[in-house]
Amino acid sequence: MASRNRTARNKKKQPKVQKTRLEKLGFEKANITAGELRRALKKGQEYGDLGEWEKALPYLLKAWDAMPEDLNLLTLLSQGLLQVGVRDKAIAVLERTLAIHGETVEICAIMVNLALEMGMPEVAAKVSRRLIEMEPENPIRYVNLATAYTGMKELDTSIEMLQSVLPIFPDSADLWNVLATQVRARDGVEASSVFFEEAMRLGPNDFKIFSNYGQSLLMIGEYERALEVDMRAIELNPKSPEPRIGAAQLLFYKGAFPEAFENYEYRLDNRRSLNQVILYTHQQQRWQGEDLEGKSLLVTSEQGIGDEVMWGNYLPFLYERAEKLYIGCNYRLVDIYKRRFPNAHVEKHIDQIHQGYRYRSYPLVQQLIKDGEVEIDYSVPVASSPAYAWQTLDDVKPHPEGFLVPDSERANQMRERLAAISDKPKVALAWRSGVMTVDRAYIYASIEAMGPLMELKDKVDFINVQYGEVSEELALAEKMYGIKIHDFEDVDLKMDIEANLAIMDACDLVISSASAPGQFAIAVGAPTILMSAPKQWWAFGGTDKPGFAKDCELIIGGEITDWNDIMTRVRDRAVDKLSL
């Protein structure tokens, strides 16, 4: 009896703690005893040291409920929440920590990372300067400041700062790495290589360096070497999204589809930086390639509109297989998709940004689901939709009936406008991306590089389909080559995709860079020549004819980019295709 009483008294000395703090942050209740607290602290710290934050967080959350004001625990917890992408919860913990303890080096460091991930470079720069005052001997503080400067588009300021501190920290692989990425952004890939090499020498086990260098190699088309570098980064950190995505593109290029799609799923990882992650608000079960007979499928939009259209080439196959297809897309594609898929539900997506996350919804269909008016069996992001059919190169093919169809009235109007110019063949022309930075510029042609193609000026009419502000470039073409590239000033090529399709369908040939206009041309089935300095991973298998395209070929540069050679080959193929 006495023994049982002692046991009862001992139990009374270990009261359970209420879990109101966890509940406020959206976590479930979890009771904890003194012994469990010691174990939770130990395991949470161990997993945190290993960077296995998904495993660490359950232990840290248990410990936090018993030790709500412990600085080390709050610091570790906020760091873990940030690392797994739960930014709003990390902010809540940081706010509590600051209220209790004020500024500390550890908390300020987490605030910098959080500000960078949430797209607030000015805040990150301010806190980084404070950290440098607090800890001037730590090179990571300068790395963070440089990264913040990059977000503020102050590359010159950043590079000058890095060059001034590198003599103080010559063995810091992180400083060499961030310098390399910024030189690449300002001066191009080749100028950055020497800095990457030094970073890899100093940090042979730092996955970030290998991941960044892999991006450089991908950009210049050194695919075999790039894959080796990315696989090394994955070996060093299997859970990091960026090297996985780089490896996916390289595996697509090799035609290794199962492995490519497996790695490509990391594009959806919520640990990626701001504007790279989409969190869908619908709750439909993810499609894993199940039979769609008698089933409904929601295909959700992602990435830029060029990518959305490229992957959308598989939609006609899904339209035939599913009992009911629901398509979420960019608002500029709604009417176009409704025309192509008349029995589908087509709806534009709505985005809301909260705590650095992009939440994407489809309000009409989601309300129908909530009201019980429709049932949707599965959902899948559009770039994942071909994964279960594309297992080999032979599986990638255009739909027999094509993908997109131009509005007949708009197409007829464009044919009339084009015919009024002359009776020469019409060549639609786009030469670059709408997003031009130094490290992307070499991929695309310039007006100055178009000499060989412009030799066709007396045999064809060139029609502008390059979106954005191009008046200066069109004037330059006229000055250099005595040619008028015809431009419909009343057409907004960026916003009016219908006009793009109508013009391209009405032309005899489309010559485009490997960018959105090229994808529109492929989608509408127009004869197309794509030109690019590096190889394109979405050509799949390294071919010069993308398998999903009805009538398209790629003309790419060699080991050394020679745009005169590329343009000469483009000209010669145009002559052949138009029988000039």
Protein backbone atom coordinates (compact mmCIF):
# COMPACT_ATOMS: atom_id res chain seq x y z
CA MET A 1 0.00 0.00 0.00
CA ALA A 2 2.83 2.39 0.93
CA SER A 3 4.51 1.71 -2.36
CA ARG A 4 1.37 2.61 -4.26
CA ASN A 5 1.05 5.88 -2.23
CA ARG A 6 4.64 6.87 -3.08
CA THR A 7 3.90 6.22 -6.72
CA ALA A 8 0.80 8.37 -6.53
CA ARG A 9 2.74 11.20 -4.83
CA ASN A 10 5.47 11.02 -7.48
CA LYS A 11 2.88 11.31 -10.23
CA LYS A 12 1.45 14.42 -8.60
CA LYS A 13 4.91 16.03 -8.77
CA GLN A 14 4.87 15.75 -12.57
CA PRO A 15 1.80 17.74 -13.63
CA LYS A 16 0.79 17.96 -17.26
CA VAL A 17 1.18 21.38 -18.91
CA GLN A 18 -1.64 23.05 -20.82
CA LYS A 19 -0.95 23.39 -24.53
CA THR A 20 -2.46 26.78 -25.30
CA ARG A 21 0.68 28.11 -27.05
CA LEU A 22 0.78 25.22 -29.48
CA GLU A 23 -2.90 25.53 -30.17
CA LYS A 24 -2.50 29.23 -30.99
CA LEU A 25 0.08 28.34 -33.62
CA GLY A 26 -2.10 25.63 -35.09
CA PHE A 27 -0.36 22.60 -33.62
CA GLU A 28 -2.09 19.75 -31.79
CA LYS A 29 -1.88 19.30 -28.02
CA ALA A 30 0.99 17.21 -26.68
CA ASN A 31 1.56 16.42 -23.00
CA ILE A 32 5.07 16.08 -21.66
CA THR A 33 6.77 14.89 -18.47
CA ALA A 34 10.20 15.79 -17.14
CA GLY A 35 11.73 12.66 -18.64
CA GLU A 36 10.04 13.28 -21.94
CA LEU A 37 11.30 16.88 -21.86
CA ARG A 38 14.93 15.76 -21.52
CA ARG A 39 14.49 13.31 -24.40
CA ALA A 40 12.72 15.90 -26.56
CA LEU A 41 15.51 18.44 -26.04
CA LYS A 42 18.18 15.87 -26.83
CA LYS A 43 16.50 14.47 -29.95
CA GLY A 44 15.46 17.90 -31.23
CA GLN A 45 19.02 19.18 -30.92
CA GLU A 46 20.49 16.07 -32.53
CA TYR A 47 18.17 16.18 -35.53
CA GLY A 48 18.67 19.95 -35.83
CA ASP A 49 22.45 19.50 -35.91
CA LEU A 50 21.96 17.02 -38.76
CA GLY A 51 19.66 19.42 -40.62
CA GLU A 52 16.78 16.93 -40.39
CA TRP A 53 14.26 19.53 -39.33
CA GLU A 54 11.14 17.53 -40.13
CA LYS A 55 12.26 15.03 -37.51
CA ALA A 56 13.48 17.69 -35.08
CA LEU A 57 10.33 19.80 -34.95
CA PRO A 58 8.00 17.37 -33.12
CA TYR A 59 10.55 17.14 -30.28
CA LEU A 60 11.20 20.89 -30.23
CA LEU A 61 7.50 21.65 -30.08
CA LYS A 62 7.05 19.33 -27.12
CA ALA A 63 9.97 20.93 -25.31
CA TRP A 64 8.78 24.45 -26.09
CA ASP A 65 5.48 23.89 -24.36
CA ALA A 66 7.30 23.13 -21.11
CA MET A 67 9.99 25.82 -21.61
CA PRO A 68 8.14 28.67 -23.38
CA GLU A 69 10.77 31.35 -22.73
CA ASP A 70 14.04 29.47 -23.19
CA LEU A 71 16.17 31.46 -25.64
CA ASN A 72 18.11 28.54 -27.11
CA LEU A 73 14.96 26.52 -27.63
CA LEU A 74 13.08 29.43 -29.22
CA THR A 75 16.01 30.08 -31.54
CA LEU A 76 16.22 26.44 -32.58
CA LEU A 77 12.47 26.18 -33.03
CA SER A 78 12.18 29.27 -35.24
CA GLN A 79 15.13 28.06 -37.31
CA GLY A 80 13.47 24.66 -37.80
CA LEU A 81 10.14 26.17 -38.78
CA LEU A 82 11.89 28.40 -41.30
CA GLN A 83 13.85 25.49 -42.80
CA VAL A 84 10.74 23.40 -43.47
CA GLY A 85 9.00 26.38 -45.06
CA VAL A 86 6.48 27.16 -42.32
CA ARG A 87 7.27 30.86 -42.45
CA ASP A 88 4.17 32.16 -40.71
CA LYS A 89 4.80 29.92 -37.70
CA ALA A 90 8.48 30.96 -37.69
CA ILE A 91 7.42 34.61 -37.61
CA ALA A 92 5.15 33.98 -34.63
CA VAL A 93 7.96 32.32 -32.68
CA LEU A 94 10.42 35.10 -33.63
CA GLU A 95 8.00 37.77 -32.45
CA ARG A 96 7.67 36.03 -29.10
CA THR A 97 11.44 35.62 -28.80
CA LEU A 98 12.12 39.27 -29.56
CA ALA A 99 9.48 40.34 -27.05
CA ILE A 100 11.13 38.26 -24.33
CA HIS A 101 14.84 38.55 -25.11
CA GLY A 102 15.32 41.49 -27.47
CA GLU A 103 17.99 41.41 -30.20
CA THR A 104 20.41 38.50 -30.20
CA VAL A 105 22.84 37.39 -32.90
CA GLU A 106 20.96 34.13 -33.34
CA ILE A 107 17.54 35.73 -33.69
CA CYS A 108 18.80 38.46 -36.04
CA ALA A 109 20.40 35.80 -38.22
CA ILE A 110 17.09 33.96 -38.53
CA MET A 111 15.34 37.25 -39.28
CA VAL A 112 17.75 37.86 -42.17
CA ASN A 113 17.05 34.45 -43.68
CA LEU A 114 13.33 34.95 -43.24
CA ALA A 115 13.43 38.41 -44.86
CA LEU A 116 15.41 37.05 -47.82
CA GLU A 117 13.01 34.15 -48.35
CA MET A 118 9.98 36.44 -48.12
CA GLY A 119 11.33 38.89 -50.69
CA MET A 120 12.16 41.74 -48.32
CA PRO A 121 15.78 42.52 -49.26
CA GLU A 122 15.74 46.00 -47.72
CA VAL A 123 14.84 44.51 -44.35
CA ALA A 124 17.47 41.80 -44.80
CA ALA A 125 20.13 44.42 -45.61
CA LYS A 126 19.24 46.50 -42.54
CA VAL A 127 19.41 43.53 -40.18
CA SER A 128 22.58 42.25 -41.88
CA ARG A 129 24.34 45.57 -41.22
CA ARG A 130 23.31 45.30 -37.58
CA LEU A 131 24.70 41.77 -37.49
CA ILE A 132 28.00 42.95 -38.95
CA GLU A 133 28.21 45.49 -36.11
CA MET A 134 27.51 42.73 -33.60
CA GLU A 135 29.75 40.10 -35.20
CA PRO A 136 32.20 41.69 -37.68
CA GLU A 137 34.49 38.64 -37.63
CA ASN A 138 31.84 36.30 -39.11
CA PRO A 139 32.02 36.12 -42.95
CA ILE A 140 28.47 34.76 -43.19
CA ARG A 141 27.15 38.18 -42.17
CA TYR A 142 28.71 39.68 -45.31
CA VAL A 143 27.31 36.83 -47.42
CA ASN A 144 23.82 37.69 -46.19
CA LEU A 145 24.35 41.39 -46.89
CA ALA A 146 25.52 40.59 -50.42
CA THR A 147 22.45 38.42 -50.99
CA ALA A 148 20.25 41.27 -49.79
CA TYR A 149 21.99 43.67 -52.18
CA THR A 150 21.28 41.23 -55.01
CA GLY A 151 17.59 41.31 -54.15
CA MET A 152 17.77 45.11 -54.28
CA LYS A 153 19.45 44.86 -57.72
CA GLU A 154 22.57 46.59 -56.39
CA LEU A 155 25.11 44.18 -57.88
CA ASP A 156 27.91 46.73 -58.19
CA THR A 157 27.59 47.68 -54.53
CA SER A 158 27.54 44.04 -53.52
CA ILE A 159 30.54 42.99 -55.61
CA GLU A 160 32.58 45.95 -54.37
CA MET A 161 31.74 45.04 -50.77
CA LEU A 162 32.70 41.39 -51.32
CA GLN A 163 35.98 42.35 -52.97
CA SER A 164 36.81 44.50 -49.96
CA VAL A 165 36.17 41.77 -47.37
CA LEU A 166 37.60 38.76 -49.22
CA PRO A 167 41.21 39.70 -48.33
CA ILE A 168 40.08 39.50 -44.67
CA PHE A 169 38.39 36.10 -45.17
CA PRO A 170 40.29 34.52 -48.10
CA ASP A 171 39.34 30.98 -47.02
CA SER A 172 35.58 31.56 -46.86
CA ALA A 173 33.96 29.33 -49.47
CA ASP A 174 30.63 31.07 -48.86
CA LEU A 175 32.04 34.46 -49.82
CA TRP A 176 33.58 33.10 -53.02
CA ASN A 177 30.30 31.36 -53.83
CA VAL A 178 28.12 34.44 -53.45
CA LEU A 179 30.67 36.51 -55.39
CA ALA A 180 30.53 33.95 -58.20
CA THR A 181 26.74 34.08 -58.44
CA GLN A 182 26.74 37.87 -58.52
CA VAL A 183 29.51 38.15 -61.10
CA ARG A 184 27.53 35.66 -63.19
CA ALA A 185 24.44 37.87 -62.93
CA ARG A 186 26.35 41.00 -63.86
CA ASP A 187 29.09 39.84 -66.23
CA GLY A 188 27.99 36.42 -67.48
CA VAL A 189 28.81 32.75 -66.89
CA GLU A 190 32.38 32.72 -68.16
CA ALA A 191 33.46 35.60 -65.91
CA SER A 192 32.14 33.76 -62.86
CA SER A 193 33.81 30.40 -63.42
CA VAL A 194 37.09 31.23 -61.68
CA PHE A 195 35.23 32.25 -58.52
CA PHE A 196 33.15 29.06 -58.53
CA GLU A 197 36.31 26.99 -58.87
CA GLU A 198 37.84 28.69 -55.84
CA ALA A 199 34.61 28.21 -53.88
CA MET A 200 34.54 24.48 -54.68
CA ARG A 201 38.20 24.12 -53.72
CA LEU A 202 37.53 25.71 -50.34
CA GLY A 203 34.14 24.07 -49.79
CA PRO A 204 34.27 20.59 -51.33
CA ASN A 205 31.32 19.46 -49.21
CA ASP A 206 29.08 22.51 -49.58
CA PHE A 207 26.06 21.53 -51.67
CA LYS A 208 25.09 25.17 -52.32
CA ILE A 209 28.28 25.79 -54.27
CA PHE A 210 27.82 22.74 -56.46
CA SER A 211 24.16 23.58 -57.02
CA ASN A 212 25.02 27.13 -58.13
CA TYR A 213 27.82 25.95 -60.38
CA GLY A 214 25.51 23.34 -61.88
CA GLN A 215 23.17 26.16 -62.88
CA SER A 216 26.05 27.86 -64.70
CA LEU A 217 26.91 24.70 -66.60
CA LEU A 218 23.27 24.18 -67.49
CA MET A 219 23.06 27.72 -68.83
CA ILE A 220 25.96 27.17 -71.24
CA GLY A 221 24.80 23.72 -72.34
CA GLU A 222 27.52 21.63 -70.68
CA TYR A 223 24.92 19.06 -69.72
CA GLU A 224 27.04 16.03 -68.84
CA ARG A 225 29.27 18.04 -66.52
CA ALA A 226 26.27 19.87 -65.09
CA LEU A 227 24.56 16.58 -64.21
CA GLU A 228 27.70 15.37 -62.41
CA VAL A 229 27.83 18.59 -60.39
CA ASP A 230 24.13 18.49 -59.54
CA MET A 231 24.33 14.85 -58.49
CA ARG A 232 27.20 15.79 -56.18
CA ALA A 233 25.04 18.54 -54.67
CA ILE A 234 22.19 16.05 -54.18
CA GLU A 235 24.58 13.59 -52.54
CA LEU A 236 25.64 16.31 -50.10
CA ASN A 237 22.06 17.44 -49.40
CA PRO A 238 19.37 15.08 -50.75
CA LYS A 239 16.49 17.30 -49.62
CA SER A 240 17.53 20.59 -51.21
CA PRO A 241 15.13 21.49 -54.07
CA GLU A 242 17.41 23.46 -56.41
CA PRO A 243 19.94 20.77 -57.40
CA ARG A 244 17.04 18.35 -57.80
CA ILE A 245 15.36 20.69 -60.28
CA GLY A 246 18.61 21.19 -62.15
CA ALA A 247 19.14 17.42 -62.29
CA ALA A 248 15.55 16.98 -63.51
CA GLN A 249 16.12 19.26 -66.50
CA LEU A 250 19.31 17.43 -67.37
CA LEU A 251 17.59 14.05 -67.07
CA PHE A 252 14.77 15.28 -69.30
CA TYR A 253 17.40 16.21 -71.84
CA LYS A 254 18.80 12.67 -71.67
CA GLY A 255 15.32 11.21 -72.05
CA ALA A 256 15.42 9.58 -68.60
CA PHE A 257 11.79 10.43 -67.86
CA PRO A 258 11.00 8.49 -64.66
CA GLU A 259 14.04 9.89 -62.86
CA ALA A 260 13.47 13.34 -64.35
CA PHE A 261 9.85 13.60 -63.20
CA GLU A 262 10.79 12.27 -59.76
CA ASN A 263 13.31 15.09 -59.29
CA TYR A 264 11.09 17.66 -61.00
CA GLU A 265 8.54 17.31 -58.19
CA TYR A 266 10.92 19.36 -56.05
CA ARG A 267 9.83 22.47 -57.96
CA LEU A 268 6.74 22.31 -55.70
CA ASP A 269 8.76 22.14 -52.46
CA ASN A 270 7.73 24.93 -50.08
CA ARG A 271 11.35 25.45 -49.01
CA ARG A 272 12.06 27.24 -52.27
CA SER A 273 12.34 31.02 -52.31
CA LEU A 274 9.60 33.60 -52.77
CA ASN A 275 7.51 33.38 -55.96
CA GLN A 276 8.88 29.92 -56.72
CA VAL A 277 6.35 28.09 -54.58
CA ILE A 278 2.61 27.76 -55.16
CA LEU A 279 0.39 26.44 -52.40
CA TYR A 280 -2.89 25.23 -53.84
CA THR A 281 -5.91 25.80 -51.62
CA HIS A 282 -7.97 22.95 -53.04
CA GLN A 283 -7.93 19.61 -51.24
CA GLN A 284 -8.35 17.14 -54.09
CA GLN A 285 -6.37 13.90 -54.08
CA ARG A 286 -3.20 13.97 -56.16
CA TRP A 287 -3.47 12.00 -59.38
CA GLN A 288 -0.84 9.25 -59.63
CA GLY A 289 -1.66 7.96 -63.10
CA GLU A 290 -4.84 6.05 -62.17
CA ASP A 291 -7.33 5.10 -64.89
CA LEU A 292 -9.45 8.18 -65.67
CA GLU A 293 -12.39 6.38 -67.22
CA GLY A 294 -15.49 7.68 -65.43
CA LYS A 295 -13.31 10.00 -63.31
CA SER A 296 -12.84 13.75 -63.09
CA LEU A 297 -9.46 15.50 -63.03
CA LEU A 298 -8.42 19.05 -62.09
CA VAL A 299 -5.23 20.21 -63.84
CA THR A 300 -3.71 23.19 -62.05
CA SER A 301 -1.59 25.99 -63.47
CA GLU A 302 2.01 26.73 -62.51
CA GLN A 303 5.19 28.50 -63.64
CA GLY A 304 5.27 31.14 -66.38
CA ILE A 305 2.83 31.23 -69.26
CA GLY A 306 5.37 29.81 -71.72
CA ASP A 307 5.94 26.79 -69.47
CA GLU A 308 2.21 26.47 -68.84
CA VAL A 309 1.53 26.26 -72.58
CA MET A 310 4.47 23.92 -73.19
CA TRP A 311 3.29 21.36 -70.62
CA GLY A 312 -0.28 22.03 -71.70
CA ASN A 313 0.45 20.18 -74.94
CA TYR A 314 -0.55 17.07 -73.00
CA LEU A 315 -4.02 18.42 -72.09
CA PRO A 316 -5.73 17.06 -75.24
CA PHE A 317 -4.83 13.52 -74.20
CA LEU A 318 -6.27 14.06 -70.70
CA TYR A 319 -9.38 15.63 -72.21
CA GLU A 320 -10.04 12.40 -74.09
CA ARG A 321 -9.36 10.12 -71.11
CA ALA A 322 -11.20 11.83 -68.26
CA GLU A 323 -14.97 11.80 -67.84
CA LYS A 324 -14.72 15.49 -66.92
CA LEU A 325 -11.65 17.71 -67.16
CA TYR A 326 -11.28 20.82 -65.02
CA ILE A 327 -8.50 23.19 -66.12
CA GLY A 328 -7.07 26.01 -64.02
CA CYS A 329 -4.96 28.41 -66.05
CA ASN A 330 -3.58 31.90 -66.54
CA TYR A 331 -6.42 34.33 -67.26
CA ARG A 332 -5.00 35.05 -70.72
CA LEU A 333 -5.62 31.42 -71.70
CA VAL A 334 -9.21 31.00 -70.46
CA ASP A 335 -11.07 31.73 -73.71
CA ILE A 336 -8.44 29.88 -75.74
CA TYR A 337 -8.79 26.75 -73.61
CA LYS A 338 -12.59 26.97 -73.60
CA ARG A 339 -12.55 26.93 -77.40
CA ARG A 340 -10.21 23.93 -77.53
CA PHE A 341 -11.90 21.99 -74.71
CA PRO A 342 -15.61 22.87 -74.96
CA ASN A 343 -16.77 20.23 -72.48
CA ALA A 344 -14.18 21.10 -69.85
CA HIS A 345 -14.56 23.52 -66.96
CA VAL A 346 -11.91 26.21 -67.56
CA GLU A 347 -11.17 28.80 -64.91
CA LYS A 348 -8.47 31.39 -64.24
CA HIS A 349 -6.45 31.06 -61.08
CA ILE A 350 -6.51 33.64 -58.31
CA ASP A 351 -3.34 34.25 -56.29
CA GLN A 352 -2.97 35.76 -52.85
CA ILE A 353 0.40 36.40 -51.18
CA HIS A 354 0.51 35.84 -47.43
CA GLN A 355 3.63 35.64 -45.25
CA GLY A 356 5.74 35.13 -48.37
CA TYR A 357 3.64 32.26 -49.70
CA ARG A 358 1.67 32.29 -52.95
CA TYR A 359 -1.72 30.71 -52.33
CA ARG A 360 -3.47 29.72 -55.58
CA SER A 361 -7.18 29.02 -55.77
CA TYR A 362 -9.91 28.37 -58.33
CA PRO A 363 -12.89 29.98 -56.56
CA LEU A 364 -15.70 28.88 -58.88
CA VAL A 365 -14.91 25.19 -58.96
CA GLN A 366 -13.91 25.13 -55.29
CA GLN A 367 -17.26 26.65 -54.34
CA LEU A 368 -19.03 24.02 -56.45
CA ILE A 369 -17.13 21.34 -54.58
CA LYS A 370 -17.96 22.90 -51.23
CA ASP A 371 -21.66 23.09 -52.13
CA GLY A 372 -21.64 19.45 -53.18
CA GLU A 373 -22.58 20.25 -56.76
CA VAL A 374 -19.51 18.57 -58.26
CA GLU A 375 -17.05 15.90 -57.18
CA ILE A 376 -13.50 15.87 -58.45
CA ASP A 377 -11.60 12.64 -58.08
CA TYR A 378 -8.05 13.84 -58.65
CA SER A 379 -5.88 16.89 -59.26
CA VAL A 380 -2.41 17.32 -60.75
CA PRO A 381 -0.12 20.30 -61.56
CA VAL A 382 0.10 20.71 -65.32
CA ALA A 383 3.85 20.01 -65.51
CA SER A 384 3.34 16.69 -63.72
CA SER A 385 0.42 15.60 -65.90
CA PRO A 386 2.48 13.75 -68.57
CA ALA A 387 4.63 11.93 -66.00
CA TYR A 388 2.67 8.69 -66.13
CA ALA A 389 2.53 8.51 -69.92
CA TRP A 390 5.95 9.84 -70.88
CA GLN A 391 8.26 6.99 -69.94
CA THR A 392 10.40 6.93 -73.09
CA LEU A 393 11.17 9.34 -75.91
CA ASP A 394 8.71 7.53 -78.16
CA ASP A 395 5.89 8.42 -75.76
CA VAL A 396 6.31 12.17 -76.37
CA LYS A 397 4.21 13.13 -79.36
CA PRO A 398 1.81 15.83 -80.52
CA HIS A 399 -1.91 15.20 -80.38
CA PRO A 400 -3.25 14.23 -83.83
CA GLU A 401 -5.79 17.06 -83.71
CA GLY A 402 -3.30 19.61 -82.39
CA PHE A 403 -3.33 21.64 -79.21
CA LEU A 404 -4.52 25.25 -79.48
CA VAL A 405 -6.85 26.70 -82.09
CA PRO A 406 -6.86 30.41 -82.99
CA ASP A 407 -10.07 32.38 -83.00
CA SER A 408 -11.23 32.16 -86.61
CA GLU A 409 -12.39 35.78 -86.79
CA ARG A 410 -9.12 37.12 -85.37
CA ALA A 411 -7.11 34.85 -87.68
CA ASN A 412 -9.01 36.09 -90.74
CA GLN A 413 -8.47 39.68 -89.67
CA MET A 414 -4.75 39.07 -89.33
CA ARG A 415 -4.58 37.38 -92.73
CA GLU A 416 -6.19 40.43 -94.30
CA ARG A 417 -3.77 42.78 -92.55
CA LEU A 418 -0.80 40.68 -93.56
CA ALA A 419 -1.97 40.39 -97.17
CA ALA A 420 -2.22 44.17 -97.35
CA ILE A 421 1.54 44.45 -96.76
CA SER A 422 2.56 42.51 -99.87
CA ASP A 423 2.21 39.11 -101.50
CA LYS A 424 5.54 37.87 -100.09
CA PRO A 425 5.66 34.98 -97.59
CA LYS A 426 5.16 36.16 -94.02
CA VAL A 427 7.68 35.27 -91.30
CA ALA A 428 6.74 35.98 -87.67
CA LEU A 429 9.84 36.95 -85.70
CA ALA A 430 10.70 36.95 -81.95
CA TRP A 431 14.31 37.05 -80.84
CA ARG A 432 14.53 37.15 -77.06
CA SER A 433 12.83 36.62 -73.72
CA GLY A 434 10.83 39.28 -71.96
CA VAL A 435 13.13 38.86 -68.95
CA MET A 436 16.64 39.87 -69.95
CA THR A 437 19.56 39.79 -67.52
CA VAL A 438 23.26 39.61 -68.22
CA ASP A 439 23.46 35.91 -67.39
CA ARG A 440 20.56 35.19 -69.78
CA ALA A 441 21.46 37.55 -72.61
CA TYR A 442 23.81 35.13 -74.39
CA ILE A 443 20.94 32.64 -74.79
CA TYR A 444 19.08 34.96 -77.12
CA ALA A 445 19.76 36.78 -80.35
CA SER A 446 20.09 40.52 -80.72
CA ILE A 447 19.20 42.73 -83.65
CA GLU A 448 22.91 43.16 -84.30
CA ALA A 449 23.27 39.38 -84.73
CA MET A 450 20.52 39.04 -87.34
CA GLY A 451 22.55 39.99 -90.40
CA PRO A 452 22.35 36.63 -92.21
CA LEU A 453 18.61 36.30 -91.60
CA MET A 454 17.96 39.87 -92.74
CA GLU A 455 19.40 38.95 -96.13
CA LEU A 456 15.90 37.59 -96.87
CA LYS A 457 14.39 41.10 -96.67
CA ASP A 458 13.57 41.20 -100.39
CA LYS A 459 11.97 37.73 -100.36
CA VAL A 460 9.79 37.77 -97.21
CA ASP A 461 7.96 40.15 -94.92
CA PHE A 462 9.05 39.96 -91.28
CA ILE A 463 6.23 40.38 -88.73
CA ASN A 464 7.04 41.28 -85.14
CA VAL A 465 5.76 38.89 -82.46
CA GLN A 466 8.31 39.95 -79.84
CA TYR A 467 6.35 41.21 -76.84
CA GLY A 468 7.44 44.11 -74.67
CA GLU A 469 8.97 47.45 -75.63
CA VAL A 470 10.73 46.87 -78.95
CA SER A 471 10.51 50.23 -80.74
CA GLU A 472 14.25 50.92 -80.40
CA GLU A 473 15.14 47.44 -81.65
CA LEU A 474 12.83 47.76 -84.64
CA ALA A 475 14.36 51.15 -85.44
CA LEU A 476 17.84 49.62 -85.18
CA ALA A 477 16.89 46.85 -87.63
CA GLU A 478 15.72 49.44 -90.12
CA LYS A 479 18.91 51.49 -89.66
CA MET A 480 21.29 48.51 -89.93
CA TYR A 481 19.60 46.47 -92.64
CA GLY A 482 17.22 48.83 -94.39
CA ILE A 483 14.33 46.57 -93.44
CA LYS A 484 10.98 47.22 -91.83
CA ILE A 485 9.91 44.56 -89.36
CA HIS A 486 6.16 45.12 -89.45
CA ASP A 487 4.61 45.74 -86.06
CA PHE A 488 0.93 46.03 -85.20
CA GLU A 489 1.05 48.84 -82.65
CA ASP A 490 -2.59 48.33 -81.69
CA VAL A 491 -1.85 44.77 -80.48
CA ASP A 492 -0.48 44.07 -77.01
CA LEU A 493 1.48 40.89 -77.67
CA LYS A 494 2.18 40.26 -73.98
CA MET A 495 -1.42 40.47 -72.81
CA ASP A 496 -3.28 39.33 -75.92
CA ILE A 497 -2.33 35.69 -76.51
CA GLU A 498 -5.24 35.41 -78.94
CA ALA A 499 -3.43 37.89 -81.18
CA ASN A 500 -0.24 35.85 -80.96
CA LEU A 501 -2.01 32.71 -82.10
CA ALA A 502 -3.87 34.52 -84.86
CA ILE A 503 -0.72 36.14 -86.27
CA MET A 504 1.30 32.95 -86.10
CA ASP A 505 -1.45 30.89 -87.70
CA ALA A 506 -1.69 33.44 -90.51
CA CYS A 507 2.07 33.50 -91.17
CA ASP A 508 3.96 31.03 -93.35
CA LEU A 509 6.73 30.53 -90.80
CA VAL A 510 7.59 31.50 -87.22
CA ILE A 511 11.20 32.12 -86.23
CA SER A 512 11.54 32.57 -82.50
CA SER A 513 13.88 32.34 -79.58
CA ALA A 514 13.30 29.48 -77.15
CA SER A 515 10.79 31.53 -75.16
CA ALA A 516 7.03 32.00 -74.79
CA PRO A 517 6.33 33.12 -78.40
CA GLY A 518 8.00 29.95 -79.63
CA GLN A 519 5.75 27.86 -77.40
CA PHE A 520 2.67 29.68 -78.71
CA ALA A 521 3.77 28.89 -82.28
CA ILE A 522 4.25 25.21 -81.43
CA ALA A 523 0.88 25.08 -79.67
CA VAL A 524 -1.01 26.45 -82.68
CA GLY A 525 0.83 24.09 -85.03
CA ALA A 526 2.58 26.77 -87.07
CA PRO A 527 5.78 25.80 -88.94
CA THR A 528 8.42 26.94 -86.47
CA ILE A 529 12.17 27.37 -86.21
CA LEU A 530 13.51 27.96 -82.71
CA MET A 531 16.99 29.41 -82.27
CA SER A 532 19.08 29.20 -79.11
CA ALA A 533 22.70 29.43 -78.09
CA PRO A 534 22.58 26.51 -75.59
CA LYS A 535 20.72 23.23 -75.90
CA GLN A 536 17.20 23.13 -74.51
CA TRP A 537 16.32 20.51 -71.88
CA TRP A 538 12.68 20.37 -72.99
CA ALA A 539 13.76 19.12 -76.41
CA PHE A 540 13.91 15.76 -74.56
CA GLY A 541 16.64 13.38 -75.59
CA GLY A 542 18.82 16.09 -77.08
CA THR A 543 16.91 16.06 -80.36
CA ASP A 544 16.46 19.05 -82.62
CA LYS A 545 12.73 18.37 -82.95
CA PRO A 546 10.71 18.57 -79.71
CA GLY A 547 8.55 15.46 -79.59
CA PHE A 548 5.37 17.30 -78.57
CA ALA A 549 5.65 19.73 -81.52
CA LYS A 550 3.93 19.06 -84.84
CA ASP A 551 6.27 21.11 -87.03
CA CYS A 552 9.23 22.57 -85.17
CA GLU A 553 12.97 22.31 -85.20
CA LEU A 554 15.69 23.70 -82.96
CA ILE A 555 18.83 25.34 -84.26
CA ILE A 556 21.40 25.72 -81.50
CA GLY A 557 24.95 26.93 -81.15
CA GLY A 558 28.08 24.88 -80.73
CA GLU A 559 30.56 24.77 -77.86
CA ILE A 560 31.31 28.43 -78.51
CA THR A 561 28.32 30.64 -79.18
CA ASP A 562 28.50 32.02 -82.70
CA TRP A 563 25.30 33.86 -83.52
CA ASN A 564 26.44 34.51 -87.08
CA ASP A 565 26.61 30.76 -87.62
CA ILE A 566 23.23 30.18 -85.89
CA MET A 567 21.56 32.88 -87.96
CA THR A 568 23.09 31.55 -91.16
CA ARG A 569 21.62 28.12 -90.45
CA VAL A 570 18.27 29.65 -89.51
CA ARG A 571 18.26 31.57 -92.80
CA ASP A 572 19.10 28.46 -94.81
CA ARG A 573 16.33 26.42 -93.15
CA ALA A 574 13.85 29.24 -93.74
CA VAL A 575 14.78 29.24 -97.42
CA ASP A 576 14.16 25.50 -97.58
CA LYS A 577 10.88 25.55 -95.66
CA LEU A 578 9.49 28.45 -97.69
CA SER A 579 10.91 27.13 -100.99
CA LEU A 580 12.47 30.52 -101.73
